[in-house]
């Protein structure tokens, strides 16, 4: 939906561009843990867990637990490698300046070493704990997030969030693969739900954080095409997302509970997107982008509640289905 832009974007800022970089101090455990992006890891763990439990094949609780643990480690490894490579722009953006590397708590080399170590451990142990298809899927996800998204797309094209969002959409498919050893239409639907949710979620953030991306020379849609085009795209993706989310209620991972949740949430999400789309540029400047902030906060609940509904349907089918 987004055309290419002619403006050249930087690949990576040179070391000489850094100003007033703090001296690295002794790092604590919490600093290394912060490298793993625990908030993002929460989403990875939850959606992978839902994918595992929604699968038609039962998994031993211990196997399920350690599999989710290693998927979480793989997600954390991606976060550490992302912070290593993005240290230059993290120093420029206000919302990322307190991360361990720009704050001077952890060095770039330490973050890189931790990321590569956890990548190898997570993939190897997931293969031993469950199956090698799931392990290969995890390895591909780490590669996609670090190389395809972080090193390439993020700094090159406003398509960064659209295509790169696939990395965050893979965990439920990995959880499903742990249980089944493969891929199915149901796991693809869970992938699609996150994939289509990611652009409006991040574009809403970019609308009220545009100066950060502009200063860091990251070609977010708000920077390359402006706020009006961004609002148009948020509405377009939200409409497609709503159709997809509600349609999933009529598949094997859906049901009455999921369908009820999806109808209510998508009505709210669509209304929020319409309010953003109707914004006047001058009004948005004066009210500090309140509609965009509300939409962004709603988007966080949106995904967790959808996957919570899928989880509820899985428990209903597994336990009440047996009783029936």
Protein backbone atom coordinates (compact mmCIF):
# COMPACT_ATOMS: atom_id res chain seq x y z
CA UNK A 1 0.00 0.00 0.00
CA UNK A 2 3.02 2.29 0.32
CA UNK A 3 5.15 3.43 -2.57
CA UNK A 4 8.92 3.75 -2.53
CA UNK A 5 10.55 7.04 -1.64
CA UNK A 6 13.52 8.64 -3.33
CA UNK A 7 15.08 10.13 -0.21
CA UNK A 8 18.17 8.14 0.82
CA UNK A 9 18.17 6.85 4.38
CA UNK A 10 21.22 6.04 6.43
CA UNK A 11 22.32 2.44 6.92
CA UNK A 12 23.97 3.00 10.29
CA UNK A 13 25.32 6.11 11.95
CA UNK A 14 29.08 6.23 12.24
CA UNK A 15 30.76 6.21 15.62
CA UNK A 16 31.87 9.81 15.07
CA UNK A 17 28.24 10.96 15.05
CA UNK A 18 27.73 10.01 18.69
CA UNK A 19 27.69 12.91 21.08
CA UNK A 20 28.21 12.74 24.84
CA UNK A 21 28.10 8.95 25.05
CA UNK A 22 28.15 7.99 28.73
CA UNK A 23 30.92 5.81 30.09
CA UNK A 24 29.81 2.25 30.67
CA UNK A 25 29.44 1.43 34.35
CA UNK A 26 29.15 -1.90 36.09
CA UNK A 27 26.01 -3.55 34.78
CA UNK A 28 23.52 -5.29 37.02
CA UNK A 29 21.29 -8.26 36.23
CA UNK A 30 18.38 -5.95 35.51
CA UNK A 31 20.39 -4.17 32.81
CA UNK A 32 21.07 -7.40 30.95
CA UNK A 33 17.46 -8.48 31.39
CA UNK A 34 16.32 -5.16 29.90
CA UNK A 35 18.29 -6.04 26.75
CA UNK A 36 15.81 -8.87 26.17
CA UNK A 37 12.92 -6.40 25.82
CA UNK A 38 10.74 -8.02 28.52
CA UNK A 39 7.57 -6.22 27.39
CA UNK A 40 7.92 -7.62 23.88
CA UNK A 41 8.88 -10.99 25.36
CA UNK A 42 5.56 -11.02 27.24
CA UNK A 43 3.69 -10.84 23.94
CA UNK A 44 5.92 -13.54 22.44
CA UNK A 45 5.35 -15.88 25.39
CA UNK A 46 1.61 -15.32 25.53
CA UNK A 47 0.90 -15.76 21.81
CA UNK A 48 3.23 -18.77 21.56
CA UNK A 49 1.47 -20.32 24.56
CA UNK A 50 -1.92 -19.74 22.97
CA UNK A 51 -0.69 -21.31 19.74
CA UNK A 52 0.55 -24.35 21.63
CA UNK A 53 -2.66 -24.84 23.64
CA UNK A 54 -4.99 -24.13 20.70
CA UNK A 55 -3.34 -26.90 18.67
CA UNK A 56 -5.33 -30.15 18.35
CA UNK A 57 -2.41 -32.23 19.67
CA UNK A 58 -1.91 -32.35 23.44
CA UNK A 59 1.59 -31.63 24.75
CA UNK A 60 3.02 -32.87 28.05
CA UNK A 61 3.00 -29.95 30.53
CA UNK A 62 6.74 -30.15 31.13
CA UNK A 63 7.51 -30.22 27.40
CA UNK A 64 5.15 -27.31 26.90
CA UNK A 65 6.75 -25.30 29.71
CA UNK A 66 10.35 -25.71 28.57
CA UNK A 67 9.34 -25.11 24.94
CA UNK A 68 7.74 -21.79 25.83
CA UNK A 69 10.79 -20.94 27.95
CA UNK A 70 13.14 -21.44 25.01
CA UNK A 71 10.83 -19.55 22.64
CA UNK A 72 10.96 -16.69 25.16
CA UNK A 73 14.77 -16.89 25.20
CA UNK A 74 14.75 -16.73 21.41
CA UNK A 75 12.58 -13.62 21.56
CA UNK A 76 14.94 -12.12 24.13
CA UNK A 77 17.92 -12.91 21.93
CA UNK A 78 16.27 -11.01 19.09
CA UNK A 79 15.75 -8.05 21.41
CA UNK A 80 19.40 -8.01 22.52
CA UNK A 81 20.68 -8.17 18.93
CA UNK A 82 18.22 -5.44 17.95
CA UNK A 83 19.54 -3.18 20.73
CA UNK A 84 23.12 -3.94 19.70
CA UNK A 85 22.58 -2.96 16.08
CA UNK A 86 20.22 -0.04 16.83
CA UNK A 87 22.41 1.49 19.54
CA UNK A 88 23.18 4.43 17.27
CA UNK A 89 19.55 5.46 16.76
CA UNK A 90 18.59 4.51 20.34
CA UNK A 91 20.97 7.25 21.49
CA UNK A 92 19.06 9.79 19.40
CA UNK A 93 15.46 8.84 20.13
CA UNK A 94 14.04 10.13 23.41
CA UNK A 95 11.95 7.05 24.15
CA UNK A 96 14.97 4.73 23.82
CA UNK A 97 17.76 6.78 25.43
CA UNK A 98 17.30 5.01 28.77
CA UNK A 99 17.91 1.57 27.30
CA UNK A 100 21.00 -0.21 28.72
CA UNK A 101 23.41 0.62 25.87
CA UNK A 102 22.67 4.34 25.36
CA UNK A 103 22.44 4.73 29.14
CA UNK A 104 26.00 3.41 29.43
CA UNK A 105 25.08 0.34 31.48
CA UNK A 106 26.01 -2.31 28.91
CA UNK A 107 28.42 -2.19 25.97
CA UNK A 108 27.42 -3.02 22.40
CA UNK A 109 29.78 -6.00 22.36
CA UNK A 110 28.18 -7.40 25.51
CA UNK A 111 24.71 -7.08 24.00
CA UNK A 112 25.85 -8.76 20.79
CA UNK A 113 27.50 -11.62 22.65
CA UNK A 114 24.43 -12.16 24.81
CA UNK A 115 22.14 -12.11 21.78
CA UNK A 116 24.15 -14.66 19.81
CA UNK A 117 24.58 -16.92 22.84
CA UNK A 118 20.87 -16.95 23.66
CA UNK A 119 20.01 -17.50 19.98
CA UNK A 120 22.08 -20.66 19.83
CA UNK A 121 20.89 -21.96 23.20
CA UNK A 122 17.20 -21.31 22.49
CA UNK A 123 17.18 -22.96 19.06
CA UNK A 124 19.21 -25.99 20.15
CA UNK A 125 17.21 -26.59 23.32
CA UNK A 126 13.84 -26.11 21.60
CA UNK A 127 14.84 -28.74 19.06
CA UNK A 128 15.80 -31.17 21.83
CA UNK A 129 12.72 -30.40 23.91
CA UNK A 130 10.08 -30.56 21.18
CA UNK A 131 10.96 -31.01 17.50
CA UNK A 132 13.44 -29.63 14.98
CA UNK A 133 10.79 -28.07 12.77
CA UNK A 134 9.78 -25.76 15.63
CA UNK A 135 13.46 -25.07 16.35
CA UNK A 136 14.14 -24.18 12.71
CA UNK A 137 11.09 -21.93 12.75
CA UNK A 138 12.47 -20.14 15.84
CA UNK A 139 15.87 -19.73 14.15
CA UNK A 140 14.20 -18.24 11.08
CA UNK A 141 12.19 -15.85 13.27
CA UNK A 142 15.34 -14.58 15.00
CA UNK A 143 17.04 -14.15 11.60
CA UNK A 144 14.01 -12.34 10.18
CA UNK A 145 13.78 -9.89 13.08
CA UNK A 146 17.49 -9.14 13.32
CA UNK A 147 18.61 -9.21 9.69
CA UNK A 148 15.53 -8.61 7.54
CA UNK A 149 13.82 -6.08 9.82
CA UNK A 150 16.49 -4.47 12.03
CA UNK A 151 19.45 -4.37 9.64
CA UNK A 152 17.58 -3.89 6.36
CA UNK A 153 13.94 -2.80 6.33
CA UNK A 154 13.91 -0.49 9.36
CA UNK A 155 16.43 1.94 7.89
CA UNK A 156 15.53 1.57 4.23
CA UNK A 157 11.80 1.77 3.58
CA UNK A 158 8.49 2.87 5.13
CA UNK A 159 7.46 -0.73 4.52
CA UNK A 160 9.61 -1.59 7.57
CA UNK A 161 6.69 -2.15 9.95
CA UNK A 162 4.46 -3.79 7.33
CA UNK A 163 6.93 -6.49 6.28
CA UNK A 164 8.99 -6.58 9.46
CA UNK A 165 5.85 -7.16 11.50
CA UNK A 166 5.98 -10.79 10.40
CA UNK A 167 8.73 -11.41 12.97
CA UNK A 168 6.36 -10.61 15.81
CA UNK A 169 3.61 -12.67 14.23
CA UNK A 170 5.53 -15.96 14.09
CA UNK A 171 5.40 -17.00 17.82
CA UNK A 172 1.88 -18.55 17.75
CA UNK A 173 2.95 -20.53 14.69
CA UNK A 174 6.02 -21.74 16.58
CA UNK A 175 3.85 -22.75 19.54
CA UNK A 176 1.53 -24.61 17.17
CA UNK A 177 4.56 -26.30 15.57
CA UNK A 178 5.77 -27.46 19.00
CA UNK A 179 2.52 -29.40 19.38
CA UNK A 180 1.94 -30.56 15.81
CA UNK A 181 5.34 -30.47 14.16
CA UNK A 182 3.96 -28.42 11.29
CA UNK A 183 1.81 -25.55 10.05
CA UNK A 184 -1.94 -25.36 9.45
CA UNK A 185 -4.56 -22.83 8.39
CA UNK A 186 -5.32 -22.13 12.06
CA UNK A 187 -1.74 -21.16 12.88
CA UNK A 188 -1.59 -19.03 9.73
CA UNK A 189 -4.75 -17.22 10.89
CA UNK A 190 -3.14 -16.41 14.24
CA UNK A 191 -0.08 -15.17 12.36
CA UNK A 192 -2.29 -13.00 10.13
CA UNK A 193 -4.06 -11.49 13.12
CA UNK A 194 -0.77 -10.15 14.56
CA UNK A 195 0.64 -9.31 11.13
CA UNK A 196 -2.29 -7.04 10.21
CA UNK A 197 -2.45 -5.55 13.72
CA UNK A 198 1.19 -4.45 13.75
CA UNK A 199 1.07 -1.54 11.22
CA UNK A 200 -1.82 0.43 12.79
CA UNK A 201 -0.38 -0.27 16.25
CA UNK A 202 3.05 1.18 15.43
CA UNK A 203 1.81 3.92 13.12
CA UNK A 204 -0.35 5.26 15.94
CA UNK A 205 2.79 5.37 18.10
CA UNK A 206 4.72 7.06 15.29
CA UNK A 207 2.07 9.78 14.94
CA UNK A 208 2.76 11.20 18.39
CA UNK A 209 6.47 10.22 18.40
CA UNK A 210 7.29 11.44 14.90
CA UNK A 211 10.16 13.72 15.91
CA UNK A 212 12.02 10.74 17.35
CA UNK A 213 11.99 8.86 14.06
CA UNK A 214 12.74 12.04 12.11
CA UNK A 215 15.78 12.86 14.25
CA UNK A 216 17.06 9.29 13.99
CA UNK A 217 16.49 9.27 10.20
CA UNK A 218 14.28 6.17 10.44
CA UNK A 219 11.92 6.15 7.40
CA UNK A 220 8.71 5.59 9.31
CA UNK A 221 5.60 6.35 7.25
CA UNK A 222 4.98 9.53 9.24
CA UNK A 223 8.41 10.81 8.20
CA UNK A 224 8.40 9.80 4.52
CA UNK A 225 4.75 10.42 3.61
CA UNK A 226 3.35 12.61 6.39
CA UNK A 227 0.64 12.27 9.00
CA UNK A 228 -2.35 12.43 6.65
CA UNK A 229 -1.13 9.44 4.62
CA UNK A 230 -0.34 7.60 7.86
CA UNK A 231 -3.89 8.15 9.13
CA UNK A 232 -5.30 6.87 5.83
CA UNK A 233 -3.21 3.72 6.11
CA UNK A 234 -4.21 3.15 9.73
CA UNK A 235 -7.87 3.17 8.71
CA UNK A 236 -7.27 0.90 5.70
CA UNK A 237 -5.34 -1.71 7.67
CA UNK A 238 -7.83 -1.58 10.54
CA UNK A 239 -10.72 -2.36 8.19
CA UNK A 240 -8.88 -5.38 6.78
CA UNK A 241 -7.88 -6.45 10.30
CA UNK A 242 -11.49 -6.28 11.50
CA UNK A 243 -12.71 -8.48 8.64
CA UNK A 244 -9.92 -11.01 9.28
CA UNK A 245 -10.41 -11.04 13.07
CA UNK A 246 -14.15 -11.58 12.90
CA UNK A 247 -13.82 -14.18 10.13
CA UNK A 248 -11.47 -16.19 12.40
CA UNK A 249 -14.44 -16.63 14.76
CA UNK A 250 -16.00 -19.02 12.24
CA UNK A 251 -12.95 -21.31 12.12
CA UNK A 252 -11.81 -24.08 14.47
CA UNK A 253 -9.91 -21.63 16.70
CA UNK A 254 -13.02 -19.47 17.10
CA UNK A 255 -16.43 -19.89 18.65
CA UNK A 256 -19.12 -17.90 20.44
CA UNK A 257 -16.75 -16.49 23.07
CA UNK A 258 -14.17 -15.42 20.54
CA UNK A 259 -16.76 -14.05 18.15
CA UNK A 260 -18.35 -11.91 20.85
CA UNK A 261 -14.99 -10.50 21.92
CA UNK A 262 -13.93 -9.88 18.31
CA UNK A 263 -17.11 -8.01 17.37
CA UNK A 264 -16.88 -5.66 20.37
CA UNK A 265 -13.14 -5.04 20.11
CA UNK A 266 -13.13 -4.47 16.37
CA UNK A 267 -16.05 -2.07 16.59
CA UNK A 268 -14.04 -0.06 19.15
CA UNK A 269 -10.86 -0.33 17.09
CA UNK A 270 -12.60 0.76 13.89
CA UNK A 271 -14.16 3.73 15.65
CA UNK A 272 -10.75 4.73 17.00
CA UNK A 273 -9.24 4.50 13.50
CA UNK A 274 -12.07 6.62 12.07
CA UNK A 275 -11.48 9.28 14.74
CA UNK A 276 -7.78 9.38 13.80
CA UNK A 277 -8.62 9.48 10.09
CA UNK A 278 -10.95 12.44 10.61
CA UNK A 279 -8.32 14.45 12.48
CA UNK A 280 -7.40 17.87 11.22
CA UNK A 281 -3.64 18.49 11.26
CA UNK A 282 -3.93 21.69 13.26
CA UNK A 283 -6.31 20.14 15.79
CA UNK A 284 -3.96 17.21 16.25
CA UNK A 285 -1.11 19.58 17.01
CA UNK A 286 -3.05 21.45 19.68
CA UNK A 287 -4.52 18.46 21.52
CA UNK A 288 -1.18 16.60 21.66
CA UNK A 289 -2.49 13.65 19.63
CA UNK A 290 -4.88 12.38 22.29
CA UNK A 291 -6.83 10.22 19.83
CA UNK A 292 -3.63 8.58 18.61
CA UNK A 293 -2.50 7.87 22.15
CA UNK A 294 -5.88 6.32 23.04
CA UNK A 295 -5.81 4.21 19.88
CA UNK A 296 -2.30 3.00 20.67
CA UNK A 297 -3.30 1.99 24.21
CA UNK A 298 -6.41 0.23 22.87
CA UNK A 299 -4.24 -1.66 20.39
CA UNK A 300 -2.29 -3.22 23.27
CA UNK A 301 -5.47 -4.59 24.86
CA UNK A 302 -6.83 -5.55 21.43
CA UNK A 303 -4.27 -8.24 20.73
CA UNK A 304 -4.13 -9.71 24.23
CA UNK A 305 -7.92 -9.98 24.42
CA UNK A 306 -8.19 -11.63 21.01
CA UNK A 307 -5.62 -14.25 21.92
CA UNK A 308 -7.19 -14.60 25.35
CA UNK A 309 -10.46 -15.44 23.60
CA UNK A 310 -8.70 -18.03 21.42
CA UNK A 311 -7.27 -19.53 24.61
CA UNK A 312 -10.71 -19.59 26.22
CA UNK A 313 -12.12 -21.41 23.21
CA UNK A 314 -9.30 -23.97 23.41
CA UNK A 315 -10.11 -24.70 27.06
CA UNK A 316 -13.83 -24.93 26.31
CA UNK A 317 -13.22 -27.41 23.48
CA UNK A 318 -10.72 -29.46 25.47
CA UNK A 319 -12.53 -29.74 28.78
CA UNK A 320 -16.20 -29.17 28.10
CA UNK A 321 -15.92 -31.09 24.85
CA UNK A 322 -14.69 -34.11 26.78
CA UNK A 323 -17.54 -33.80 29.26
CA UNK A 324 -20.05 -33.64 26.43
